[in-house]
Amino acid sequence: PGRFYDVARHTFDRHTLQRLDFYAVFDKSFDESSTGAKVRRM
């Protein structure tokens, strides 16, 4: 609650439920992200 840097964003095709990648900074989990992506997420 009240924390946003490790928010996971998921986008799905509504006909197939295939996951769609739209922004590399949030496409991975926070722990798997690069240093630059972590700073941007924070």
All heavy atoms as atom14 arrays in JSON, in Angstrom:
{
  "sequence": "PGRFYDVARHTFDRHTLQRLDFYAVFDKSFDESSTGAKVRRM",
  "atom14_mask": [
    [1, 1, 1, 1, 1, 1, 1, 0, 0, 0, 0, 0, 0, 0],
    [1, 1, 1, 1, 0, 0, 0, 0, 0, 0, 0, 0, 0, 0],
    [1, 1, 1, 1, 1, 1, 1, 1, 1, 1, 1, 0, 0, 0],
    [1, 1, 1, 1, 1, 1, 1, 1, 1, 1, 1, 0, 0, 0],
    [1, 1, 1, 1, 1, 1, 1, 1, 1, 1, 1, 1, 0, 0],
    [1, 1, 1, 1, 1, 1, 1, 1, 0, 0, 0, 0, 0, 0],
    [1, 1, 1, 1, 1, 1, 1, 0, 0, 0, 0, 0, 0, 0],
    [1, 1, 1, 1, 1, 0, 0, 0, 0, 0, 0, 0, 0, 0],
    [1, 1, 1, 1, 1, 1, 1, 1, 1, 1, 1, 0, 0, 0],
    [1, 1, 1, 1, 1, 1, 1, 1, 1, 1, 0, 0, 0, 0],
    [1, 1, 1, 1, 1, 1, 1, 0, 0, 0, 0, 0, 0, 0],
    [1, 1, 1, 1, 1, 1, 1, 1, 1, 1, 1, 0, 0, 0],
    [1, 1, 1, 1, 1, 1, 1, 1, 0, 0, 0, 0, 0, 0],
    [1, 1, 1, 1, 1, 1, 1, 1, 1, 1, 1, 0, 0, 0],
    [1, 1, 1, 1, 1, 1, 1, 1, 1, 1, 0, 0, 0, 0],
    [1, 1, 1, 1, 1, 1, 1, 0, 0, 0, 0, 0, 0, 0],
    [1, 1, 1, 1, 1, 1, 1, 1, 0, 0, 0, 0, 0, 0],
    [1, 1, 1, 1, 1, 1, 1, 1, 1, 0, 0, 0, 0, 0],
    [1, 1, 1, 1, 1, 1, 1, 1, 1, 1, 1, 0, 0, 0],
    [1, 1, 1, 1, 1, 1, 1, 1, 0, 0, 0, 0, 0, 0],
    [1, 1, 1, 1, 1, 1, 1, 1, 0, 0, 0, 0, 0, 0],
    [1, 1, 1, 1, 1, 1, 1, 1, 1, 1, 1, 0, 0, 0],
    [1, 1, 1, 1, 1, 1, 1, 1, 1, 1, 1, 1, 0, 0],
    [1, 1, 1, 1, 1, 0, 0, 0, 0, 0, 0, 0, 0, 0],
    [1, 1, 1, 1, 1, 1, 1, 0, 0, 0, 0, 0, 0, 0],
    [1, 1, 1, 1, 1, 1, 1, 1, 1, 1, 1, 0, 0, 0],
    [1, 1, 1, 1, 1, 1, 1, 1, 0, 0, 0, 0, 0, 0],
    [1, 1, 1, 1, 1, 1, 1, 1, 1, 0, 0, 0, 0, 0],
    [1, 1, 1, 1, 1, 1, 0, 0, 0, 0, 0, 0, 0, 0],
    [1, 1, 1, 1, 1, 1, 1, 1, 1, 1, 1, 0, 0, 0],
    [1, 1, 1, 1, 1, 1, 1, 1, 0, 0, 0, 0, 0, 0],
    [1, 1, 1, 1, 1, 1, 1, 1, 1, 0, 0, 0, 0, 0],
    [1, 1, 1, 1, 1, 1, 0, 0, 0, 0, 0, 0, 0, 0],
    [1, 1, 1, 1, 1, 1, 0, 0, 0, 0, 0, 0, 0, 0],
    [1, 1, 1, 1, 1, 1, 1, 0, 0, 0, 0, 0, 0, 0],
    [1, 1, 1, 1, 0, 0, 0, 0, 0, 0, 0, 0, 0, 0],
    [1, 1, 1, 1, 1, 0, 0, 0, 0, 0, 0, 0, 0, 0],
    [1, 1, 1, 1, 1, 1, 1, 1, 1, 0, 0, 0, 0, 0],
    [1, 1, 1, 1, 1, 1, 1, 0, 0, 0, 0, 0, 0, 0],
    [1, 1, 1, 1, 1, 1, 1, 1, 1, 1, 1, 0, 0, 0],
    [1, 1, 1, 1, 1, 1, 1, 1, 1, 1, 1, 0, 0, 0],
    [1, 1, 1, 1, 1, 1, 1, 1, 0, 0, 0, 0, 0, 0]
  ],
  "atom14_positions": [
    [[0.82, -1.21, 0.0], [0.0, 0.0, 0.0], [0.85, 1.26, 0.0], [1.85, 1.35, 0.72], [-0.8, -0.12, 1.31], [-0.76, -1.57, 1.66], [0.55, -2.07, 1.17], [0.0, 0.0, 0.0], [0.0, 0.0, 0.0], [0.0, 0.0, 0.0], [0.0, 0.0, 0.0], [0.0, 0.0, 0.0], [0.0, 0.0, 0.0], [0.0, 0.0, 0.0]],
    [[0.47, 2.23, -0.82], [1.16, 3.51, -0.83], [2.55, 3.49, -1.41], [3.34, 4.41, -1.16], [0.0, 0.0, 0.0], [0.0, 0.0, 0.0], [0.0, 0.0, 0.0], [0.0, 0.0, 0.0], [0.0, 0.0, 0.0], [0.0, 0.0, 0.0], [0.0, 0.0, 0.0], [0.0, 0.0, 0.0], [0.0, 0.0, 0.0], [0.0, 0.0, 0.0]],
    [[2.88, 2.47, -2.2], [4.21, 2.39, -2.8], [4.04, 2.14, -4.29], [3.19, 1.37, -4.71], [5.0, 1.25, -2.16], [6.5, 1.37, -2.33], [7.19, 0.33, -1.49], [7.04, -1.02, -2.02], [7.29, -2.13, -1.34], [7.66, -2.05, -0.08], [7.14, -3.32, -1.9], [0.0, 0.0, 0.0], [0.0, 0.0, 0.0], [0.0, 0.0, 0.0]],
    [[4.88, 2.79, -5.11], [4.64, 2.74, -6.55], [5.84, 2.25, -7.36], [5.66, 1.86, -8.51], [4.24, 4.14, -7.05], [3.0, 4.67, -6.38], [3.09, 5.48, -5.26], [1.75, 4.35, -6.86], [1.96, 5.96, -4.62], [0.6, 4.82, -6.24], [0.71, 5.63, -5.12], [0.0, 0.0, 0.0], [0.0, 0.0, 0.0], [0.0, 0.0, 0.0]],
    [[7.04, 2.28, -6.82], [8.2, 1.95, -7.64], [8.24, 0.5, -8.08], [8.81, 0.17, -9.12], [9.51, 2.32, -6.93], [9.83, 1.52, -5.7], [10.46, 0.28, -5.79], [9.54, 2.01, -4.43], [10.77, -0.46, -4.66], [9.84, 1.28, -3.3], [10.45, 0.06, -3.41], [10.76, -0.66, -2.28], [0.0, 0.0, 0.0], [0.0, 0.0, 0.0]],
    [[7.63, -0.39, -7.29], [7.61, -1.8, -7.69], [6.26, -2.24, -8.23], [5.92, -3.42, -8.23], [8.03, -2.7, -6.52], [7.21, -2.44, -5.26], [6.34, -1.55, -5.28], [7.44, -3.14, -4.25], [0.0, 0.0, 0.0], [0.0, 0.0, 0.0], [0.0, 0.0, 0.0], [0.0, 0.0, 0.0], [0.0, 0.0, 0.0], [0.0, 0.0, 0.0]],
    [[5.47, -1.26, -8.69], [4.21, -1.59, -9.34], [4.49, -2.42, -10.6], [5.41, -2.12, -11.36], [3.46, -0.3, -9.73], [2.32, -0.59, -10.7], [2.92, 0.4, -8.49], [0.0, 0.0, 0.0], [0.0, 0.0, 0.0], [0.0, 0.0, 0.0], [0.0, 0.0, 0.0], [0.0, 0.0, 0.0], [0.0, 0.0, 0.0], [0.0, 0.0, 0.0]],
    [[3.71, -3.47, -10.78], [3.84, -4.29, -11.99], [2.7, -3.91, -12.95], [1.53, -3.94, -12.56], [3.75, -5.77, -11.64], [0.0, 0.0, 0.0], [0.0, 0.0, 0.0], [0.0, 0.0, 0.0], [0.0, 0.0, 0.0], [0.0, 0.0, 0.0], [0.0, 0.0, 0.0], [0.0, 0.0, 0.0], [0.0, 0.0, 0.0], [0.0, 0.0, 0.0]],
    [[3.04, -3.53, -14.16], [2.05, -3.13, -15.16], [1.94, -4.22, -16.21], [2.93, -4.63, -16.79], [2.44, -1.8, -15.8], [2.59, -0.68, -14.79], [2.81, 0.65, -15.48], [2.98, 1.72, -14.51], [3.04, 3.01, -14.82], [2.95, 3.38, -16.08], [3.19, 3.93, -13.88], [0.0, 0.0, 0.0], [0.0, 0.0, 0.0], [0.0, 0.0, 0.0]],
    [[0.71, -4.65, -16.46], [0.48, -5.74, -17.4], [-0.6, -5.33, -18.39], [-1.66, -4.83, -17.99], [0.06, -7.01, -16.66], [1.04, -7.46, -15.63], [2.02, -8.4, -15.9], [1.22, -7.07, -14.35], [2.74, -8.59, -14.81], [2.28, -7.8, -13.86], [0.0, 0.0, 0.0], [0.0, 0.0, 0.0], [0.0, 0.0, 0.0], [0.0, 0.0, 0.0]],
    [[-0.34, -5.55, -19.66], [-1.3, -5.27, -20.71], [-1.55, -6.57, -21.49], [-0.6, -7.27, -21.86], [-0.76, -4.17, -21.66], [-0.47, -3.01, -20.89], [-1.8, -3.83, -22.72], [0.0, 0.0, 0.0], [0.0, 0.0, 0.0], [0.0, 0.0, 0.0], [0.0, 0.0, 0.0], [0.0, 0.0, 0.0], [0.0, 0.0, 0.0], [0.0, 0.0, 0.0]],
    [[-2.84, -6.85, -21.73], [-3.21, -8.09, -22.39], [-4.03, -7.82, -23.65], [-4.84, -6.88, -23.69], [-4.04, -8.98, -21.45], [-3.32, -9.4, -20.2], [-3.47, -8.68, -19.03], [-2.5, -10.51, -20.19], [-2.83, -9.06, -17.86], [-1.83, -10.9, -19.03], [-2.0, -10.18, -17.87], [0.0, 0.0, 0.0], [0.0, 0.0, 0.0], [0.0, 0.0, 0.0]],
    [[-3.82, -8.67, -24.65], [-4.71, -8.71, -25.8], [-6.05, -9.26, -25.31], [-6.12, -10.35, -24.74], [-4.11, -9.64, -26.87], [-4.94, -9.67, -28.15], [-6.17, -9.87, -28.04], [-4.36, -9.52, -29.23], [0.0, 0.0, 0.0], [0.0, 0.0, 0.0], [0.0, 0.0, 0.0], [0.0, 0.0, 0.0], [0.0, 0.0, 0.0], [0.0, 0.0, 0.0]],
    [[-7.12, -8.52, -25.5], [-8.39, -8.93, -24.91], [-9.07, -10.07, -25.66], [-10.1, -10.57, -25.19], [-9.34, -7.73, -24.81], [-9.97, -7.24, -26.1], [-10.87, -6.07, -25.77], [-11.59, -5.52, -26.89], [-12.81, -5.92, -27.26], [-13.4, -6.9, -26.62], [-13.41, -5.34, -28.29], [0.0, 0.0, 0.0], [0.0, 0.0, 0.0], [0.0, 0.0, 0.0]],
    [[-8.51, -10.48, -26.78], [-9.08, -11.6, -27.52], [-8.33, -12.9, -27.26], [-8.91, -13.98, -27.33], [-9.08, -11.3, -29.02], [-9.72, -9.99, -29.37], [-11.01, -9.69, -29.03], [-9.24, -8.9, -30.03], [-11.32, -8.47, -29.46], [-10.24, -7.97, -30.06], [0.0, 0.0, 0.0], [0.0, 0.0, 0.0], [0.0, 0.0, 0.0], [0.0, 0.0, 0.0]],
    [[-7.04, -12.81, -26.96], [-6.22, -14.01, -26.77], [-5.61, -14.1, -25.37], [-5.06, -15.15, -25.0], [-5.07, -14.02, -27.79], [-4.19, -12.91, -27.51], [-5.59, -13.9, -29.21], [0.0, 0.0, 0.0], [0.0, 0.0, 0.0], [0.0, 0.0, 0.0], [0.0, 0.0, 0.0], [0.0, 0.0, 0.0], [0.0, 0.0, 0.0], [0.0, 0.0, 0.0]],
    [[-5.65, -13.0, -24.6], [-5.01, -12.88, -23.28], [-3.5, -13.0, -23.36], [-2.84, -13.31, -22.37], [-5.58, -13.91, -22.29], [-7.05, -13.7, -21.87], [-7.43, -14.66, -20.76], [-7.3, -12.27, -21.46], [0.0, 0.0, 0.0], [0.0, 0.0, 0.0], [0.0, 0.0, 0.0], [0.0, 0.0, 0.0], [0.0, 0.0, 0.0], [0.0, 0.0, 0.0]],
    [[-2.94, -12.77, -24.53], [-1.49, -12.71, -24.66], [-0.97, -11.43, -24.02], [-1.55, -10.36, -24.21], [-1.08, -12.75, -26.13], [0.43, -12.66, -26.35], [0.79, -12.57, -27.83], [-0.08, -12.68, -28.69], [2.06, -12.38, -28.11], [0.0, 0.0, 0.0], [0.0, 0.0, 0.0], [0.0, 0.0, 0.0], [0.0, 0.0, 0.0], [0.0, 0.0, 0.0]],
    [[0.11, -11.52, -23.25], [0.67, -10.34, -22.61], [1.44, -9.52, -23.63], [2.22, -10.06, -24.43], [1.6, -10.74, -21.47], [2.02, -9.58, -20.58], [2.8, -10.09, -19.37], [3.13, -9.0, -18.48], [4.22, -8.24, -18.59], [5.06, -8.47, -19.58], [4.47, -7.28, -17.73], [0.0, 0.0, 0.0], [0.0, 0.0, 0.0], [0.0, 0.0, 0.0]],
    [[1.24, -8.2, -23.59], [1.87, -7.29, -24.54], [2.85, -6.4, -23.81], [2.52, -5.8, -22.78], [0.8, -6.43, -25.24], [-0.35, -7.18, -25.91], [-1.42, -6.2, -26.39], [0.18, -8.0, -27.09], [0.0, 0.0, 0.0], [0.0, 0.0, 0.0], [0.0, 0.0, 0.0], [0.0, 0.0, 0.0], [0.0, 0.0, 0.0], [0.0, 0.0, 0.0]],
    [[4.08, -6.31, -24.31], [5.08, -5.42, -23.73], [4.95, -4.04, -24.36], [4.9, -3.9, -25.58], [6.49, -5.97, -24.0], [6.74, -7.28, -23.25], [6.07, -7.49, -22.22], [7.58, -8.06, -23.71], [0.0, 0.0, 0.0], [0.0, 0.0, 0.0], [0.0, 0.0, 0.0], [0.0, 0.0, 0.0], [0.0, 0.0, 0.0], [0.0, 0.0, 0.0]],
    [[4.91, -3.02, -23.5], [4.7, -1.67, -24.04], [5.76, -0.67, -23.58], [5.96, 0.36, -24.21], [3.31, -1.15, -23.66], [3.16, -0.84, -22.19], [3.2, 0.47, -21.74], [2.97, -1.85, -21.26], [3.06, 0.76, -20.4], [2.83, -1.57, -19.92], [2.87, -0.25, -19.47], [0.0, 0.0, 0.0], [0.0, 0.0, 0.0], [0.0, 0.0, 0.0]],
    [[6.45, -0.94, -22.47], [7.46, 0.01, -21.99], [8.49, -0.77, -21.2], [8.18, -1.33, -20.16], [6.79, 1.08, -21.14], [7.72, 2.18, -20.65], [8.67, 2.75, -21.5], [7.65, 2.65, -19.34], [9.51, 3.76, -21.05], [8.48, 3.65, -18.89], [9.41, 4.2, -19.75], [10.24, 5.2, -19.32], [0.0, 0.0, 0.0], [0.0, 0.0, 0.0]],
    [[9.72, -0.81, -21.69], [10.76, -1.67, -21.12], [11.04, -1.38, -19.65], [11.44, -2.27, -18.9], [12.05, -1.52, -21.94], [0.0, 0.0, 0.0], [0.0, 0.0, 0.0], [0.0, 0.0, 0.0], [0.0, 0.0, 0.0], [0.0, 0.0, 0.0], [0.0, 0.0, 0.0], [0.0, 0.0, 0.0], [0.0, 0.0, 0.0], [0.0, 0.0, 0.0]],
    [[10.82, -0.15, -19.22], [11.1, 0.2, -17.82], [10.19, -0.57, -16.88], [10.59, -0.97, -15.78], [10.94, 1.72, -17.61], [11.02, 2.08, -16.13], [12.02, 2.48, -18.37], [0.0, 0.0, 0.0], [0.0, 0.0, 0.0], [0.0, 0.0, 0.0], [0.0, 0.0, 0.0], [0.0, 0.0, 0.0], [0.0, 0.0, 0.0], [0.0, 0.0, 0.0]],
    [[8.93, -0.82, -17.29], [7.97, -1.5, -16.42], [7.63, -2.9, -16.88], [6.81, -3.58, -16.26], [6.68, -0.67, -16.31], [6.79, 0.52, -15.44], [7.04, 1.77, -15.97], [6.68, 0.41, -14.07], [7.15, 2.89, -15.16], [6.79, 1.51, -13.24], [7.03, 2.75, -13.79], [0.0, 0.0, 0.0], [0.0, 0.0, 0.0], [0.0, 0.0, 0.0]],
    [[8.22, -3.36, -17.97], [7.9, -4.7, -18.47], [8.48, -5.81, -17.6], [8.02, -6.94, -17.63], [8.39, -4.87, -19.92], [7.51, -4.15, -20.91], [6.36, -3.83, -20.54], [7.95, -3.9, -22.04], [0.0, 0.0, 0.0], [0.0, 0.0, 0.0], [0.0, 0.0, 0.0], [0.0, 0.0, 0.0], [0.0, 0.0, 0.0], [0.0, 0.0, 0.0]],
    [[9.52, -5.47, -16.82], [10.13, -6.44, -15.91], [9.76, -6.1, -14.47], [9.27, -5.01, -14.18], [11.65, -6.43, -16.07], [12.16, -6.81, -17.45], [13.68, -6.73, -17.49], [14.22, -7.09, -18.87], [15.7, -6.97, -18.93], [0.0, 0.0, 0.0], [0.0, 0.0, 0.0], [0.0, 0.0, 0.0], [0.0, 0.0, 0.0], [0.0, 0.0, 0.0]],
    [[10.01, -7.03, -13.58], [9.83, -6.73, -12.17], [10.91, -5.75, -11.72], [11.93, -5.58, -12.39], [9.92, -8.01, -11.33], [11.24, -8.52, -11.35], [0.0, 0.0, 0.0], [0.0, 0.0, 0.0], [0.0, 0.0, 0.0], [0.0, 0.0, 0.0], [0.0, 0.0, 0.0], [0.0, 0.0, 0.0], [0.0, 0.0, 0.0], [0.0, 0.0, 0.0]],
    [[10.7, -5.13, -10.57], [11.67, -4.14, -10.09], [13.03, -4.78, -9.86], [14.06, -4.21, -10.21], [11.15, -3.51, -8.79], [12.07, -2.46, -8.23], [12.1, -1.18, -8.76], [12.93, -2.75, -7.19], [12.96, -0.21, -8.24], [13.78, -1.8, -6.66], [13.79, -0.51, -7.2], [0.0, 0.0, 0.0], [0.0, 0.0, 0.0], [0.0, 0.0, 0.0]],
    [[13.06, -5.97, -9.27], [14.33, -6.64, -8.97], [15.1, -7.0, -10.24], [16.33, -7.03, -10.24], [14.08, -7.9, -8.15], [13.56, -7.58, -6.76], [13.86, -6.48, -6.27], [12.85, -8.42, -6.18], [0.0, 0.0, 0.0], [0.0, 0.0, 0.0], [0.0, 0.0, 0.0], [0.0, 0.0, 0.0], [0.0, 0.0, 0.0], [0.0, 0.0, 0.0]],
    [[14.39, -7.26, -11.33], [15.04, -7.63, -12.59], [15.42, -6.43, -13.43], [16.12, -6.58, -14.44], [14.1, -8.53, -13.41], [13.8, -9.87, -12.77], [12.73, -10.65, -13.52], [11.91, -10.01, -14.21], [12.74, -11.88, -13.43], [0.0, 0.0, 0.0], [0.0, 0.0, 0.0], [0.0, 0.0, 0.0], [0.0, 0.0, 0.0], [0.0, 0.0, 0.0]],
    [[15.0, -5.25, -13.04], [15.25, -4.06, -13.85], [16.69, -3.58, -13.74], [17.38, -3.87, -12.75], [14.31, -2.92, -13.41], [12.96, -3.29, -13.59], [0.0, 0.0, 0.0], [0.0, 0.0, 0.0], [0.0, 0.0, 0.0], [0.0, 0.0, 0.0], [0.0, 0.0, 0.0], [0.0, 0.0, 0.0], [0.0, 0.0, 0.0], [0.0, 0.0, 0.0]],
    [[17.13, -2.84, -14.75], [18.46, -2.25, -14.73], [18.5, -1.08, -13.74], [17.45, -0.63, -13.26], [18.83, -1.75, -16.13], [17.96, -0.68, -16.52], [0.0, 0.0, 0.0], [0.0, 0.0, 0.0], [0.0, 0.0, 0.0], [0.0, 0.0, 0.0], [0.0, 0.0, 0.0], [0.0, 0.0, 0.0], [0.0, 0.0, 0.0], [0.0, 0.0, 0.0]],
    [[19.71, -0.59, -13.46], [19.85, 0.52, -12.52], [19.09, 1.75, -13.01], [18.37, 2.41, -12.23], [21.32, 0.87, -12.32], [22.03, -0.28, -11.85], [21.49, 2.0, -11.31], [0.0, 0.0, 0.0], [0.0, 0.0, 0.0], [0.0, 0.0, 0.0], [0.0, 0.0, 0.0], [0.0, 0.0, 0.0], [0.0, 0.0, 0.0], [0.0, 0.0, 0.0]],
    [[19.22, 2.07, -14.29], [18.52, 3.22, -14.84], [17.01, 3.06, -14.73], [16.29, 4.02, -14.4], [0.0, 0.0, 0.0], [0.0, 0.0, 0.0], [0.0, 0.0, 0.0], [0.0, 0.0, 0.0], [0.0, 0.0, 0.0], [0.0, 0.0, 0.0], [0.0, 0.0, 0.0], [0.0, 0.0, 0.0], [0.0, 0.0, 0.0], [0.0, 0.0, 0.0]],
    [[16.51, 1.86, -15.01], [15.07, 1.61, -14.91], [14.6, 1.7, -13.46], [13.51, 2.21, -13.19], [14.74, 0.24, -15.49], [0.0, 0.0, 0.0], [0.0, 0.0, 0.0], [0.0, 0.0, 0.0], [0.0, 0.0, 0.0], [0.0, 0.0, 0.0], [0.0, 0.0, 0.0], [0.0, 0.0, 0.0], [0.0, 0.0, 0.0], [0.0, 0.0, 0.0]],
    [[15.41, 1.21, -12.52], [15.02, 1.3, -11.11], [14.92, 2.75, -10.65], [13.97, 3.14, -9.95], [16.05, 0.55, -10.24], [15.93, -0.96, -10.32], [16.98, -1.63, -9.44], [16.82, -3.15, -9.49], [17.85, -3.85, -8.68], [0.0, 0.0, 0.0], [0.0, 0.0, 0.0], [0.0, 0.0, 0.0], [0.0, 0.0, 0.0], [0.0, 0.0, 0.0]],
    [[15.89, 3.57, -11.06], [15.85, 4.99, -10.7], [14.61, 5.65, -11.3], [13.92, 6.44, -10.64], [17.13, 5.71, -11.17], [17.01, 7.21, -10.96], [18.34, 5.16, -10.44], [0.0, 0.0, 0.0], [0.0, 0.0, 0.0], [0.0, 0.0, 0.0], [0.0, 0.0, 0.0], [0.0, 0.0, 0.0], [0.0, 0.0, 0.0], [0.0, 0.0, 0.0]],
    [[14.29, 5.31, -12.55], [13.11, 5.89, -13.18], [11.83, 5.43, -12.49], [10.9, 6.22, -12.3], [13.1, 5.52, -14.66], [11.89, 6.04, -15.45], [11.67, 7.54, -15.26], [12.87, 8.31, -15.36], [13.36, 8.78, -16.51], [12.73, 8.54, -17.63], [14.47, 9.49, -16.5], [0.0, 0.0, 0.0], [0.0, 0.0, 0.0], [0.0, 0.0, 0.0]],
    [[11.77, 4.17, -12.09], [10.58, 3.66, -11.41], [10.42, 4.3, -10.03], [9.29, 4.49, -9.55], [10.67, 2.14, -11.28], [10.57, 1.42, -12.6], [10.85, -0.06, -12.46], [9.79, -0.75, -11.75], [9.24, -1.89, -12.15], [9.63, -2.46, -13.28], [8.3, -2.47, -11.44], [0.0, 0.0, 0.0], [0.0, 0.0, 0.0], [0.0, 0.0, 0.0]],
    [[11.53, 4.64, -9.38], [11.45, 5.26, -8.06], [11.16, 6.75, -8.12], [10.88, 7.38, -7.09], [12.77, 5.04, -7.31], [13.01, 3.61, -6.88], [14.4, 3.44, -5.75], [15.78, 3.92, -6.81], [0.0, 0.0, 0.0], [0.0, 0.0, 0.0], [0.0, 0.0, 0.0], [0.0, 0.0, 0.0], [0.0, 0.0, 0.0], [0.0, 0.0, 0.0]]
  ]
}
